[in-house]
Amino acid sequence: MPDIRYARNGGTSIAYHVVGDGPTDLVYVADYVSNLVYAWESPRWRGFYERLARSFRLILFDKRGTGLSDSGREFATLETRMEDLHAVLDAAGSKRAVVFGSHEGAAMATLYAATYPERTIALVVFQPSARGGHWESPEEVEEELRELREQWGTQEWCDELLRQLAPTLAESEEDREWFANWLRVGASPSVAYALNRAFYDTDLSDVLPAVRVPTLVLHRGALSELEALGFAEHITLAQAVRVAGEDYLGIYLSPEIVDEIESFVAGDRPPVVPSTVLTTVLFTDIVGSTERARELGDRAWRQLLERHHALVRRELARFRGVERDTAGDGFFATFDGPARAIRCAQGILEGVEGLGLELRAGVHSGECELHEGKVAGIAVAAGSRVAALARPSEVLVSSTVRDLVAGSGVEFEDRGERELKGVGPWRLYSVVSA
């Protein structure tokens, strides 16, 4: 088994190792849970990894909260786990990689490819879903999650899950035993519950059009075909391929998958020079600034604005936001992820109370155009319109933002559907707590 190493994202350690020395890096984002040590004890996983490592420099890791990795905070959020992937690739010395995600791991892989196209050679996903368990009713989802938390790791429950999703494996007593242990050493019941809860609550529909890298969508069996084809249709450079077999789980059951990836990556494609990326925008604005300036006078108002600007910039630095523009008393900033943008906005609103000021803020995630260091596009206009509709001392976000921060603990209140001038109708949500 390859040596285990740890990448650090803040105070959280993420276990990873590198297999093979191929000319192209490929990082595999596993489905739900994994365990770097236990995987190599399975002839099926060992064969799959070794086949990948013959074609690629394979980078494997346990996601936050699973296997050998720390849980840290917000282990279930896509944004945090995407940053963990970034840290793993940095620690492994990878500048650009094929990002390969399966099942639930496809969501994180997709978000990474949309956010960091300059570091993504290609995106490969197996059995992806844009909207989690949208085909089930809320009552069915709650019942499944309750049962999962109560029975996680028990042999009977694991056997039934395997019969439903991988009947080929369920025929073997050895595979049934190994699968149950895989879940047990992969995650605790509370972690498994949180990961599945976040999966059901996540909607990537608005993210898919922002993926601008070559994408291979692999799918197997009737259960996932429509979902996979719909996923591929929303990505400009996507190609969908059905592989042999009917089982929903067990990526290693289709031996041609690695050949398909190898052929796809080897295609004659020029390097991607991203002109658009998935970005989260934040706009802030001082409420009643004209009246306050008139009340204080020019000199006192300028001094107050300086203190306001210093506070905003301190919070931007704290949450890794990038200041893009300052127009009078408002700020425009961008972030790699929406949860940090929300918390930055909350920090700014709370901080300016000590200055006797009241702000409104708007947050939106979408595809932005890059040109000479400037950020533009419809997503920027949408973010500005969201901010304009916010109430005093309110952080207002779009439905895209709400869908991407599932599992973060951020709570929202539905503000209904509103018309954003020049953009169209959007459902908006007020941040209740972050």
Protein backbone atom coordinates (compact mmCIF):
# COMPACT_ATOMS: atom_id res chain seq x y z
CA MET A 1 0.00 0.00 0.00
CA PRO A 2 1.34 3.49 -0.83
CA ASP A 3 2.48 5.68 2.05
CA ILE A 4 -0.17 7.86 3.69
CA ARG A 5 0.48 11.60 3.79
CA TYR A 6 -1.59 14.52 5.05
CA ALA A 7 -2.52 17.79 3.37
CA ARG A 8 -3.50 20.66 5.64
CA ASN A 9 -6.44 22.95 5.03
CA GLY A 10 -6.31 25.33 7.96
CA GLY A 11 -6.29 23.14 11.05
CA THR A 12 -7.79 20.10 9.30
CA SER A 13 -5.65 17.21 8.02
CA ILE A 14 -6.74 15.38 4.86
CA ALA A 15 -5.22 11.93 4.23
CA TYR A 16 -3.97 11.23 0.72
CA HIS A 17 -1.46 9.18 -1.21
CA VAL A 18 -0.05 9.06 -4.73
CA VAL A 19 0.12 5.91 -6.84
CA GLY A 20 2.11 5.54 -10.05
CA ASP A 21 4.15 8.05 -12.00
CA GLY A 22 2.16 8.57 -15.19
CA PRO A 23 2.58 11.76 -17.22
CA THR A 24 -0.89 13.06 -16.34
CA ASP A 25 -2.28 13.60 -12.84
CA LEU A 26 -5.71 12.16 -12.02
CA VAL A 27 -7.40 12.74 -8.67
CA TYR A 28 -10.24 10.42 -7.72
CA VAL A 29 -13.10 11.83 -5.62
CA ALA A 30 -14.81 8.81 -4.07
CA ASP A 31 -18.51 8.27 -3.47
CA TYR A 32 -19.66 9.25 0.05
CA VAL A 33 -17.11 7.37 2.18
CA SER A 34 -13.68 5.84 1.73
CA ASN A 35 -10.73 4.56 3.73
CA LEU A 36 -7.29 4.65 2.09
CA VAL A 37 -5.98 1.69 4.08
CA TYR A 38 -9.01 -0.59 3.87
CA ALA A 39 -9.53 -0.02 0.14
CA TRP A 40 -6.28 -1.81 -0.70
CA GLU A 41 -7.50 -4.91 1.13
CA SER A 42 -10.21 -5.33 -1.50
CA PRO A 43 -9.08 -7.11 -4.67
CA ARG A 44 -11.74 -5.14 -6.56
CA TRP A 45 -10.58 -1.69 -5.43
CA ARG A 46 -6.91 -2.66 -5.63
CA GLY A 47 -7.34 -3.77 -9.25
CA PHE A 48 -9.23 -0.59 -10.13
CA TYR A 49 -6.61 1.69 -8.55
CA GLU A 50 -3.70 -0.20 -10.09
CA ARG A 51 -5.30 0.01 -13.53
CA LEU A 52 -5.74 3.79 -13.13
CA ALA A 53 -2.14 4.09 -11.92
CA ARG A 54 -0.83 2.41 -15.08
CA SER A 55 -2.19 5.30 -17.15
CA PHE A 56 -2.05 8.20 -14.71
CA ARG A 57 -0.28 9.57 -11.67
CA LEU A 58 -3.18 8.67 -9.39
CA ILE A 59 -3.99 10.83 -6.36
CA LEU A 60 -6.37 9.29 -3.80
CA PHE A 61 -7.70 10.94 -0.66
CA ASP A 62 -10.27 10.50 2.10
CA LYS A 63 -12.72 13.38 2.17
CA ARG A 64 -13.09 15.43 5.32
CA GLY A 65 -14.92 13.44 7.99
CA THR A 66 -14.31 10.06 6.30
CA GLY A 67 -11.66 7.38 6.53
CA LEU A 68 -8.33 8.65 7.87
CA SER A 69 -9.08 12.37 7.52
CA ASP A 70 -10.06 14.84 10.23
CA SER A 71 -13.68 15.92 10.44
CA GLY A 72 -13.01 19.58 11.13
CA ARG A 73 -15.92 21.95 10.77
CA GLU A 74 -18.49 21.89 7.97
CA PHE A 75 -17.23 18.54 6.70
CA ALA A 76 -20.36 18.00 4.61
CA THR A 77 -20.32 21.24 2.59
CA LEU A 78 -19.19 21.13 -1.03
CA GLU A 79 -17.30 24.39 -0.68
CA THR A 80 -15.16 23.20 2.24
CA ARG A 81 -14.48 19.83 0.65
CA MET A 82 -13.57 21.52 -2.63
CA GLU A 83 -10.96 23.54 -0.72
CA ASP A 84 -9.68 20.26 0.76
CA LEU A 85 -9.25 18.90 -2.77
CA HIS A 86 -7.32 22.06 -3.66
CA ALA A 87 -5.05 21.48 -0.64
CA VAL A 88 -4.48 17.82 -1.57
CA LEU A 89 -3.46 18.71 -5.12
CA ASP A 90 -1.10 21.40 -3.83
CA ALA A 91 0.45 18.96 -1.33
CA ALA A 92 0.86 16.34 -4.08
CA GLY A 93 2.60 18.90 -6.30
CA SER A 94 -0.12 18.79 -8.93
CA LYS A 95 -0.57 21.93 -11.03
CA ARG A 96 -3.29 20.50 -13.31
CA ALA A 97 -5.21 17.25 -13.05
CA VAL A 98 -8.03 15.18 -14.45
CA VAL A 99 -10.72 15.42 -11.77
CA PHE A 100 -12.68 12.16 -11.55
CA GLY A 101 -15.70 11.95 -9.24
CA SER A 102 -18.17 9.11 -8.77
CA HIS A 103 -21.76 9.22 -7.46
CA GLU A 104 -21.94 11.77 -4.63
CA GLY A 105 -18.28 12.68 -5.25
CA ALA A 106 -19.24 13.91 -8.73
CA ALA A 107 -20.79 17.05 -7.22
CA MET A 108 -17.58 18.16 -5.55
CA ALA A 109 -15.54 17.32 -8.66
CA THR A 110 -17.93 19.36 -10.81
CA LEU A 111 -17.85 22.37 -8.50
CA TYR A 112 -14.05 22.27 -8.52
CA ALA A 113 -13.89 22.10 -12.33
CA ALA A 114 -16.26 25.06 -12.67
CA THR A 115 -14.37 27.12 -10.09
CA TYR A 116 -10.80 26.23 -11.09
CA PRO A 117 -10.83 25.47 -14.85
CA GLU A 118 -7.20 26.54 -15.17
CA ARG A 119 -6.23 23.62 -12.92
CA THR A 120 -8.58 21.06 -14.49
CA ILE A 121 -7.42 19.11 -17.55
CA ALA A 122 -10.78 17.36 -17.82
CA LEU A 123 -13.75 16.46 -15.65
CA VAL A 124 -14.88 12.83 -15.48
CA VAL A 125 -17.99 11.84 -13.55
CA PHE A 126 -19.61 8.45 -12.98
CA GLN A 127 -23.32 8.16 -12.11
CA PRO A 128 -23.68 11.92 -11.43
CA SER A 129 -26.79 13.65 -10.12
CA ALA A 130 -27.40 17.38 -10.41
CA ARG A 131 -30.15 17.52 -7.80
CA GLY A 132 -29.52 14.81 -5.23
CA GLY A 133 -32.64 12.86 -4.40
CA HIS A 134 -35.06 15.14 -6.24
CA TRP A 135 -37.00 12.14 -7.55
CA GLU A 136 -38.11 11.28 -4.01
CA SER A 137 -40.67 13.10 -1.89
CA PRO A 138 -39.47 15.00 1.22
CA GLU A 139 -41.22 12.37 3.34
CA GLU A 140 -39.33 9.55 1.61
CA VAL A 141 -36.03 11.38 2.05
CA GLU A 142 -36.64 11.94 5.76
CA GLU A 143 -37.56 8.29 6.25
CA GLU A 144 -34.41 7.13 4.43
CA LEU A 145 -32.20 9.43 6.47
CA ARG A 146 -33.79 8.34 9.74
CA GLU A 147 -33.28 4.69 8.84
CA LEU A 148 -29.69 5.37 7.76
CA ARG A 149 -28.77 7.02 11.05
CA GLU A 150 -30.36 4.30 13.14
CA GLN A 151 -29.04 1.30 11.18
CA TRP A 152 -25.78 2.51 9.62
CA GLY A 153 -23.19 -0.28 9.62
CA THR A 154 -25.49 -3.11 10.66
CA GLN A 155 -25.08 -6.15 8.45
CA GLU A 156 -28.81 -6.43 7.68
CA TRP A 157 -29.11 -2.81 6.53
CA CYS A 158 -25.91 -2.98 4.48
CA ASP A 159 -27.07 -6.21 2.82
CA GLU A 160 -30.37 -4.63 1.83
CA LEU A 161 -28.64 -1.52 0.46
CA LEU A 162 -26.32 -3.70 -1.61
CA ARG A 163 -29.22 -5.77 -2.95
CA GLN A 164 -30.92 -2.60 -4.14
CA LEU A 165 -27.92 -0.84 -5.67
CA ALA A 166 -25.47 -3.59 -6.62
CA PRO A 167 -27.20 -6.98 -6.92
CA THR A 168 -24.10 -8.43 -8.61
CA LEU A 169 -22.09 -7.84 -5.43
CA ALA A 170 -24.95 -8.91 -3.15
CA GLU A 171 -24.65 -12.46 -4.52
CA SER A 172 -21.28 -12.89 -2.78
CA GLU A 173 -20.99 -13.34 0.99
CA GLU A 174 -17.43 -11.97 0.83
CA ASP A 175 -18.59 -8.83 -0.98
CA ARG A 176 -21.46 -8.31 1.46
CA GLU A 177 -19.12 -8.55 4.44
CA TRP A 178 -16.54 -6.27 2.84
CA PHE A 179 -19.18 -3.68 1.89
CA ALA A 180 -20.52 -3.49 5.45
CA ASN A 181 -17.00 -3.01 6.82
CA TRP A 182 -16.30 -0.40 4.12
CA LEU A 183 -19.16 1.71 5.43
CA ARG A 184 -18.13 1.16 9.06
CA VAL A 185 -14.50 2.22 8.59
CA GLY A 186 -15.49 4.94 6.16
CA ALA A 187 -17.73 7.06 8.37
CA SER A 188 -19.61 7.18 11.65
CA PRO A 189 -23.44 7.20 11.62
CA SER A 190 -23.59 10.97 12.25
CA VAL A 191 -21.10 11.70 9.45
CA ALA A 192 -22.97 9.43 7.04
CA TYR A 193 -26.22 11.16 7.94
CA ALA A 194 -24.73 14.64 7.37
CA LEU A 195 -23.20 13.67 4.02
CA ASN A 196 -26.46 12.20 2.76
CA ARG A 197 -28.45 15.16 4.11
CA ALA A 198 -26.20 17.56 2.19
CA PHE A 199 -26.47 15.40 -0.95
CA TYR A 200 -30.26 15.52 -0.91
CA ASP A 201 -30.26 19.31 -0.31
CA THR A 202 -27.70 20.21 -3.01
CA ASP A 203 -28.75 21.40 -6.45
CA LEU A 204 -26.03 21.89 -9.09
CA SER A 205 -28.40 22.80 -11.93
CA ASP A 206 -27.16 26.40 -12.10
CA VAL A 207 -23.51 25.32 -11.83
CA LEU A 208 -23.40 22.89 -14.76
CA PRO A 209 -23.46 25.54 -17.54
CA ALA A 210 -20.42 27.16 -15.89
CA VAL A 211 -18.30 24.03 -16.49
CA ARG A 212 -16.07 24.92 -19.43
CA VAL A 213 -13.62 22.03 -19.44
CA PRO A 214 -13.87 18.78 -21.47
CA THR A 215 -16.25 16.53 -19.54
CA LEU A 216 -16.86 12.80 -19.74
CA VAL A 217 -20.11 11.58 -18.17
CA LEU A 218 -20.07 7.83 -17.54
CA HIS A 219 -23.25 6.03 -16.55
CA ARG A 220 -24.47 2.48 -16.09
CA GLY A 221 -27.90 0.91 -15.81
CA ALA A 222 -31.42 2.21 -16.32
CA LEU A 223 -31.61 3.73 -12.84
CA SER A 224 -29.16 6.51 -13.66
CA GLU A 225 -29.39 6.96 -17.41
CA LEU A 226 -31.84 9.87 -17.59
CA GLU A 227 -30.11 11.68 -14.74
CA ALA A 228 -26.67 11.29 -16.35
CA LEU A 229 -27.86 12.37 -19.79
CA GLY A 230 -29.56 15.43 -18.30
CA PHE A 231 -26.34 16.22 -16.44
CA ALA A 232 -24.33 16.06 -19.68
CA GLU A 233 -26.81 18.16 -21.66
CA HIS A 234 -26.13 21.21 -19.47
CA ILE A 235 -22.34 21.13 -19.97
CA THR A 236 -21.11 22.56 -23.27
CA LEU A 237 -18.09 20.27 -23.69
CA ALA A 238 -19.66 17.09 -22.27
CA GLN A 239 -19.74 13.64 -23.80
CA ALA A 240 -21.93 10.90 -22.28
CA VAL A 241 -20.94 7.23 -22.47
CA ARG A 242 -22.89 4.24 -21.16
CA VAL A 243 -20.67 1.46 -19.81
CA ALA A 244 -21.44 -2.23 -19.38
CA GLY A 245 -23.54 -3.53 -16.53
CA GLU A 246 -26.68 -2.59 -14.63
CA ASP A 247 -25.49 -2.12 -11.02
CA TYR A 248 -25.71 1.43 -9.72
CA LEU A 249 -22.79 1.00 -7.29
CA GLY A 250 -19.42 -0.66 -7.82
CA ILE A 251 -17.49 1.48 -10.28
CA TYR A 252 -14.92 -1.32 -10.63
CA LEU A 253 -17.57 -3.64 -12.13
CA SER A 254 -17.10 -1.99 -15.55
CA PRO A 255 -13.45 -2.68 -16.45
CA GLU A 256 -13.65 -0.52 -19.59
CA ILE A 257 -14.10 2.67 -17.53
CA VAL A 258 -10.37 3.34 -17.28
CA ASP A 259 -9.97 2.75 -21.02
CA GLU A 260 -12.74 5.27 -21.68
CA ILE A 261 -11.06 7.86 -19.45
CA GLU A 262 -7.65 7.24 -20.99
CA SER A 263 -9.05 7.63 -24.51
CA PHE A 264 -11.00 10.76 -23.61
CA VAL A 265 -8.03 12.48 -21.94
CA ALA A 266 -5.70 11.53 -24.79
CA GLY A 267 -7.97 13.26 -27.33
CA ASP A 268 -6.45 16.08 -29.36
CA ARG A 269 -7.71 19.04 -27.37
CA PRO A 270 -5.94 22.36 -26.85
CA PRO A 271 -5.32 23.42 -23.24
CA VAL A 272 -8.29 25.24 -21.73
CA VAL A 273 -7.72 28.98 -21.34
CA PRO A 274 -10.66 29.92 -19.11
CA SER A 275 -12.57 33.05 -20.05
CA THR A 276 -15.36 32.26 -17.59
CA VAL A 277 -15.34 30.72 -14.12
CA LEU A 278 -17.92 29.92 -11.46
CA THR A 279 -17.65 32.75 -8.94
CA THR A 280 -19.58 33.99 -5.91
CA VAL A 281 -20.15 37.74 -5.90
CA LEU A 282 -20.87 39.92 -2.87
CA PHE A 283 -22.26 43.45 -3.00
CA THR A 284 -22.65 45.70 0.04
CA ASP A 285 -24.22 49.12 0.35
CA ILE A 286 -24.67 51.57 3.23
CA VAL A 287 -28.33 52.23 4.00
CA GLY A 288 -29.28 55.93 4.08
CA SER A 289 -25.77 57.11 3.20
CA THR A 290 -26.90 60.39 1.63
CA GLU A 291 -28.84 61.45 4.71
CA ARG A 292 -26.01 60.39 7.03
CA ALA A 293 -23.44 62.32 5.01
CA ARG A 294 -25.61 65.43 5.10
CA GLU A 295 -26.02 65.04 8.85
CA LEU A 296 -22.28 64.61 9.59
CA GLY A 297 -20.76 66.96 7.07
CA ASP A 298 -18.10 66.16 4.46
CA ARG A 299 -15.06 65.77 6.73
CA ALA A 300 -16.72 63.60 9.37
CA TRP A 301 -18.39 61.51 6.67
CA ARG A 302 -15.05 60.89 4.92
CA GLN A 303 -13.53 59.77 8.22
CA LEU A 304 -16.44 57.43 8.87
CA LEU A 305 -16.15 55.99 5.36
CA GLU A 306 -12.45 55.32 5.93
CA ARG A 307 -13.27 53.33 9.05
CA HIS A 308 -16.03 51.51 7.13
CA HIS A 309 -13.66 50.67 4.29
CA ALA A 310 -10.99 49.39 6.69
CA LEU A 311 -13.53 47.14 8.42
CA VAL A 312 -14.83 45.73 5.13
CA ARG A 313 -11.30 45.02 3.88
CA ARG A 314 -10.42 43.31 7.15
CA GLU A 315 -13.39 40.95 6.77
CA LEU A 316 -12.58 40.32 3.10
CA ALA A 317 -9.04 39.30 4.07
CA ARG A 318 -10.40 37.09 6.86
CA PHE A 319 -12.69 35.17 4.50
CA ARG A 320 -10.36 35.24 1.46
CA GLY A 321 -12.52 37.57 -0.60
CA VAL A 322 -11.09 39.64 -3.44
CA GLU A 323 -12.06 43.30 -3.62
CA ARG A 324 -13.09 44.09 -7.18
CA ASP A 325 -14.52 47.60 -6.96
CA THR A 326 -15.45 50.31 -4.49
CA ALA A 327 -18.03 52.79 -5.67
CA GLY A 328 -18.68 55.45 -3.07
CA ASP A 329 -19.95 53.59 -0.02
CA GLY A 330 -20.48 50.17 -1.64
CA PHE A 331 -18.15 47.22 -2.16
CA PHE A 332 -18.04 44.55 -4.86
CA ALA A 333 -16.02 41.43 -4.00
CA THR A 334 -15.66 37.87 -5.27
CA PHE A 335 -15.12 34.54 -3.51
CA ASP A 336 -14.32 30.98 -4.54
CA GLY A 337 -17.22 29.71 -2.44
CA PRO A 338 -20.63 31.01 -1.26
CA ALA A 339 -20.45 30.04 2.43
CA ARG A 340 -17.42 32.26 2.99
CA ALA A 341 -19.14 35.10 1.14
CA ILE A 342 -22.18 34.80 3.41
CA ARG A 343 -20.09 34.76 6.57
CA CYS A 344 -18.04 37.69 5.33
CA ALA A 345 -21.23 39.66 4.70
CA GLN A 346 -22.51 38.78 8.17
CA GLY A 347 -19.22 39.88 9.70
CA ILE A 348 -19.36 43.20 7.85
CA LEU A 349 -22.95 43.88 8.87
CA GLU A 350 -22.21 43.13 12.51
CA GLY A 351 -18.99 45.15 12.47
CA VAL A 352 -20.47 48.36 11.08
CA GLU A 353 -23.06 48.45 13.85
CA GLY A 354 -20.27 49.73 16.07
CA LEU A 355 -19.78 52.57 13.62
CA GLY A 356 -23.43 53.54 13.80
CA LEU A 357 -24.01 52.37 10.22
CA GLU A 358 -26.48 49.97 8.67
CA LEU A 359 -25.70 47.93 5.55
CA ARG A 360 -27.49 45.66 3.13
CA ALA A 361 -25.73 42.85 1.25
CA GLY A 362 -26.45 40.54 -1.66
CA VAL A 363 -24.73 37.26 -2.60
CA HIS A 364 -25.02 35.28 -5.84
CA SER A 365 -23.04 32.46 -7.48
CA GLY A 366 -22.78 32.15 -11.23
CA GLU A 367 -20.63 32.13 -14.33
CA CYS A 368 -18.49 35.26 -14.59
CA GLU A 369 -16.37 36.53 -17.47
CA LEU A 370 -12.70 37.26 -16.89
CA HIS A 371 -11.03 40.08 -18.82
CA GLU A 372 -7.74 41.72 -17.86
CA GLY A 373 -8.30 41.03 -14.19
CA LYS A 374 -11.88 42.33 -14.24
CA VAL A 375 -14.98 40.28 -13.51
CA ALA A 376 -18.17 40.85 -15.49
CA GLY A 377 -21.22 39.07 -16.84
CA ILE A 378 -24.82 38.36 -15.99
CA ALA A 379 -23.89 36.85 -12.61
CA VAL A 380 -22.39 40.18 -11.55
CA ALA A 381 -25.55 42.02 -12.59
CA ALA A 382 -27.66 39.47 -10.73
CA GLY A 383 -25.62 39.91 -7.55
CA SER A 384 -26.03 43.67 -7.72
CA ARG A 385 -29.79 43.34 -8.17
CA VAL A 386 -30.04 40.92 -5.22
CA ALA A 387 -28.22 43.42 -2.98
CA ALA A 388 -30.54 46.22 -4.08
CA LEU A 389 -33.53 44.19 -2.88
CA ALA A 390 -32.03 43.44 0.55
CA ARG A 391 -33.54 45.07 3.61
CA PRO A 392 -31.42 47.10 6.06
CA SER A 393 -29.09 44.79 8.03
CA GLU A 394 -29.99 41.85 5.80
CA VAL A 395 -27.88 39.43 3.76
CA LEU A 396 -30.01 38.35 0.81
CA VAL A 397 -28.92 35.45 -1.41
CA SER A 398 -30.10 33.77 -4.60
CA SER A 399 -31.46 30.23 -4.74
CA THR A 400 -28.18 29.09 -6.33
CA VAL A 401 -26.27 30.16 -3.24
CA ARG A 402 -28.78 28.47 -0.94
CA ASP A 403 -28.45 25.22 -2.91
CA LEU A 404 -24.65 25.23 -2.81
CA VAL A 405 -24.24 25.67 0.94
CA ALA A 406 -26.20 22.59 2.00
CA GLY A 407 -24.62 21.11 5.10
CA SER A 408 -22.96 24.36 6.19
CA GLY A 409 -25.41 25.11 8.98
CA VAL A 410 -26.45 28.41 7.37
CA GLU A 411 -30.18 28.93 7.89
CA PHE A 412 -32.44 30.87 5.51
CA GLU A 413 -35.89 32.36 5.30
CA ASP A 414 -37.68 32.24 1.96
CA ARG A 415 -38.27 35.73 0.54
CA GLY A 416 -40.16 34.44 -2.49
CA GLU A 417 -39.57 34.94 -6.17
CA ARG A 418 -38.52 38.42 -7.28
CA GLU A 419 -37.89 39.97 -10.68
CA LEU A 420 -34.26 41.06 -11.06
CA LYS A 421 -34.16 43.87 -13.60
CA GLY A 422 -32.43 42.77 -16.79
CA VAL A 423 -31.84 39.29 -15.36
CA GLY A 424 -35.23 37.67 -14.86
CA PRO A 425 -37.11 36.03 -11.95
CA TRP A 426 -35.12 34.48 -9.08
CA ARG A 427 -36.13 32.99 -5.77
CA LEU A 428 -34.36 34.82 -2.97
CA TYR A 429 -33.54 33.87 0.63
CA SER A 430 -32.62 35.92 3.68
CA VAL A 431 -29.80 34.64 5.88
CA VAL A 432 -31.19 33.96 9.35
CA SER A 433 -28.00 32.63 10.91
CA ALA A 434 -24.55 31.71 9.66
